[in-house]
Amino acid sequence: VQEDCVSYAVSLEAATAEDAVEWHDNIGARLRAILHQRFGEGVVFFTTYMENLSLK
């Protein structure tokens, strides 16, 4: 990582895994396209679907 590098992470929650995939494939895809158009190769996308588990 370069000294002048700025990093952001975004975490979103969905009611179901299906809702998360639907958002990712539609609204998320449009948002990624806008960010890529604005920042070009300066932005990297990755998706990790995770589940919240209770630690009782």
N, C-alpha and C. Protein backbone atom coordinates (compact mmCIF):
# COMPACT_ATOMS: atom_id res chain seq x y z
N VAL A 1 0.84 -1.18 0.00
CA VAL A 1 0.00 0.00 0.00
C VAL A 1 0.89 1.24 0.00
N GLN A 2 0.56 2.17 -0.86
CA GLN A 2 1.30 3.42 -0.94
C GLN A 2 0.91 4.35 0.20
N GLU A 3 1.83 5.24 0.57
CA GLU A 3 1.58 6.15 1.69
C GLU A 3 0.36 7.04 1.47
N ASP A 4 0.09 7.46 0.24
CA ASP A 4 -1.03 8.36 -0.02
C ASP A 4 -2.32 7.61 -0.37
N CYS A 5 -2.35 6.33 -0.12
CA CYS A 5 -3.50 5.50 -0.45
C CYS A 5 -4.60 5.69 0.60
N VAL A 6 -5.84 5.79 0.14
CA VAL A 6 -7.00 5.89 1.02
C VAL A 6 -7.86 4.66 0.77
N SER A 7 -8.29 4.01 1.84
CA SER A 7 -9.09 2.79 1.72
C SER A 7 -10.42 2.96 2.44
N TYR A 8 -11.45 2.37 1.87
CA TYR A 8 -12.77 2.34 2.49
C TYR A 8 -13.31 0.94 2.38
N ALA A 9 -14.06 0.52 3.36
CA ALA A 9 -14.77 -0.76 3.32
C ALA A 9 -16.24 -0.47 3.60
N VAL A 10 -17.10 -1.16 2.90
CA VAL A 10 -18.54 -0.98 3.07
C VAL A 10 -19.15 -2.32 3.45
N SER A 11 -19.97 -2.32 4.47
CA SER A 11 -20.66 -3.52 4.91
C SER A 11 -22.15 -3.24 4.92
N LEU A 12 -22.93 -4.12 4.31
CA LEU A 12 -24.38 -3.96 4.25
C LEU A 12 -25.04 -5.20 4.81
N GLU A 13 -26.23 -5.04 5.34
CA GLU A 13 -27.01 -6.17 5.85
C GLU A 13 -28.27 -6.34 5.02
N ALA A 14 -28.71 -7.59 4.87
CA ALA A 14 -29.94 -7.90 4.16
C ALA A 14 -30.74 -8.89 4.99
N ALA A 15 -32.03 -8.91 4.77
CA ALA A 15 -32.91 -9.80 5.53
C ALA A 15 -32.62 -11.27 5.21
N THR A 16 -32.31 -11.54 3.94
CA THR A 16 -32.02 -12.92 3.52
C THR A 16 -30.84 -12.91 2.55
N ALA A 17 -30.24 -14.07 2.38
CA ALA A 17 -29.15 -14.21 1.41
C ALA A 17 -29.64 -13.88 0.00
N GLU A 18 -30.86 -14.27 -0.30
CA GLU A 18 -31.43 -13.99 -1.62
C GLU A 18 -31.57 -12.49 -1.85
N ASP A 19 -31.98 -11.76 -0.82
CA ASP A 19 -32.07 -10.30 -0.92
C ASP A 19 -30.70 -9.69 -1.18
N ALA A 20 -29.68 -10.22 -0.52
CA ALA A 20 -28.32 -9.71 -0.70
C ALA A 20 -27.85 -9.92 -2.13
N VAL A 21 -28.09 -11.09 -2.68
CA VAL A 21 -27.70 -11.38 -4.06
C VAL A 21 -28.47 -10.50 -5.03
N GLU A 22 -29.75 -10.33 -4.80
CA GLU A 22 -30.58 -9.47 -5.66
C GLU A 22 -30.04 -8.04 -5.67
N TRP A 23 -29.73 -7.49 -4.49
CA TRP A 23 -29.19 -6.13 -4.41
C TRP A 23 -27.84 -6.07 -5.13
N HIS A 24 -26.96 -7.00 -4.85
CA HIS A 24 -25.63 -7.03 -5.45
C HIS A 24 -25.71 -7.05 -6.98
N ASP A 25 -26.59 -7.87 -7.52
CA ASP A 25 -26.67 -8.06 -8.97
C ASP A 25 -27.39 -6.93 -9.69
N ASN A 26 -28.14 -6.11 -8.98
CA ASN A 26 -28.91 -5.05 -9.62
C ASN A 26 -28.43 -3.66 -9.18
N ILE A 27 -28.89 -3.20 -8.05
CA ILE A 27 -28.50 -1.87 -7.58
C ILE A 27 -26.99 -1.79 -7.38
N GLY A 28 -26.42 -2.81 -6.75
CA GLY A 28 -24.98 -2.82 -6.51
C GLY A 28 -24.18 -2.76 -7.81
N ALA A 29 -24.65 -3.45 -8.83
CA ALA A 29 -23.95 -3.44 -10.12
C ALA A 29 -23.95 -2.04 -10.72
N ARG A 30 -25.07 -1.33 -10.61
CA ARG A 30 -25.13 0.04 -11.13
C ARG A 30 -24.21 0.96 -10.35
N LEU A 31 -24.17 0.81 -9.03
CA LEU A 31 -23.28 1.63 -8.21
C LEU A 31 -21.81 1.34 -8.51
N ARG A 32 -21.46 0.07 -8.70
CA ARG A 32 -20.08 -0.27 -9.05
C ARG A 32 -19.70 0.35 -10.39
N ALA A 33 -20.60 0.35 -11.34
CA ALA A 33 -20.32 0.95 -12.65
C ALA A 33 -20.06 2.44 -12.52
N ILE A 34 -20.85 3.12 -11.69
CA ILE A 34 -20.66 4.56 -11.48
C ILE A 34 -19.30 4.82 -10.83
N LEU A 35 -18.96 4.05 -9.80
CA LEU A 35 -17.68 4.22 -9.12
C LEU A 35 -16.51 3.91 -10.06
N HIS A 36 -16.65 2.88 -10.87
CA HIS A 36 -15.58 2.54 -11.81
C HIS A 36 -15.41 3.64 -12.86
N GLN A 37 -16.51 4.20 -13.31
CA GLN A 37 -16.45 5.29 -14.28
C GLN A 37 -15.75 6.50 -13.67
N ARG A 38 -16.02 6.77 -12.41
CA ARG A 38 -15.44 7.95 -11.76
C ARG A 38 -13.98 7.75 -11.37
N PHE A 39 -13.64 6.56 -10.85
CA PHE A 39 -12.31 6.35 -10.30
C PHE A 39 -11.44 5.40 -11.12
N GLY A 40 -12.00 4.80 -12.15
CA GLY A 40 -11.22 3.91 -13.02
C GLY A 40 -10.58 2.77 -12.26
N GLU A 41 -9.30 2.53 -12.55
CA GLU A 41 -8.57 1.42 -11.93
C GLU A 41 -8.23 1.70 -10.47
N GLY A 42 -8.57 2.87 -9.96
CA GLY A 42 -8.29 3.22 -8.57
C GLY A 42 -9.26 2.60 -7.58
N VAL A 43 -10.23 1.85 -8.07
CA VAL A 43 -11.21 1.22 -7.18
C VAL A 43 -11.24 -0.28 -7.47
N VAL A 44 -11.32 -1.05 -6.40
CA VAL A 44 -11.35 -2.51 -6.50
C VAL A 44 -12.58 -3.00 -5.76
N PHE A 45 -13.30 -3.91 -6.37
CA PHE A 45 -14.52 -4.44 -5.76
C PHE A 45 -14.32 -5.91 -5.40
N PHE A 46 -14.87 -6.30 -4.28
CA PHE A 46 -14.95 -7.72 -3.95
C PHE A 46 -16.19 -7.91 -3.09
N THR A 47 -16.78 -9.07 -3.16
CA THR A 47 -17.99 -9.35 -2.40
C THR A 47 -17.77 -10.61 -1.59
N THR A 48 -18.14 -10.53 -0.34
CA THR A 48 -18.09 -11.69 0.54
C THR A 48 -19.43 -11.76 1.26
N TYR A 49 -20.18 -12.82 1.01
CA TYR A 49 -21.44 -13.01 1.71
C TYR A 49 -21.13 -13.69 3.04
N MET A 50 -21.60 -13.08 4.13
CA MET A 50 -21.31 -13.61 5.45
C MET A 50 -22.61 -13.75 6.23
N GLU A 51 -22.58 -14.56 7.24
CA GLU A 51 -23.75 -14.81 8.09
C GLU A 51 -23.41 -14.40 9.51
N ASN A 52 -24.33 -13.71 10.17
CA ASN A 52 -24.16 -13.39 11.58
C ASN A 52 -24.52 -14.61 12.41
N LEU A 53 -23.62 -14.97 13.31
CA LEU A 53 -23.86 -16.12 14.20
C LEU A 53 -23.91 -15.65 15.63
N SER A 54 -24.81 -16.20 16.41
CA SER A 54 -24.93 -15.87 17.82
C SER A 54 -23.81 -16.56 18.59
N LEU A 55 -23.21 -15.84 19.56
CA LEU A 55 -22.13 -16.39 20.36
C LEU A 55 -22.61 -16.81 21.76
N LYS A 56 -23.82 -17.14 21.91
CA LYS A 56 -24.46 -17.52 23.18
C LYS A 56 -23.51 -17.87 24.24
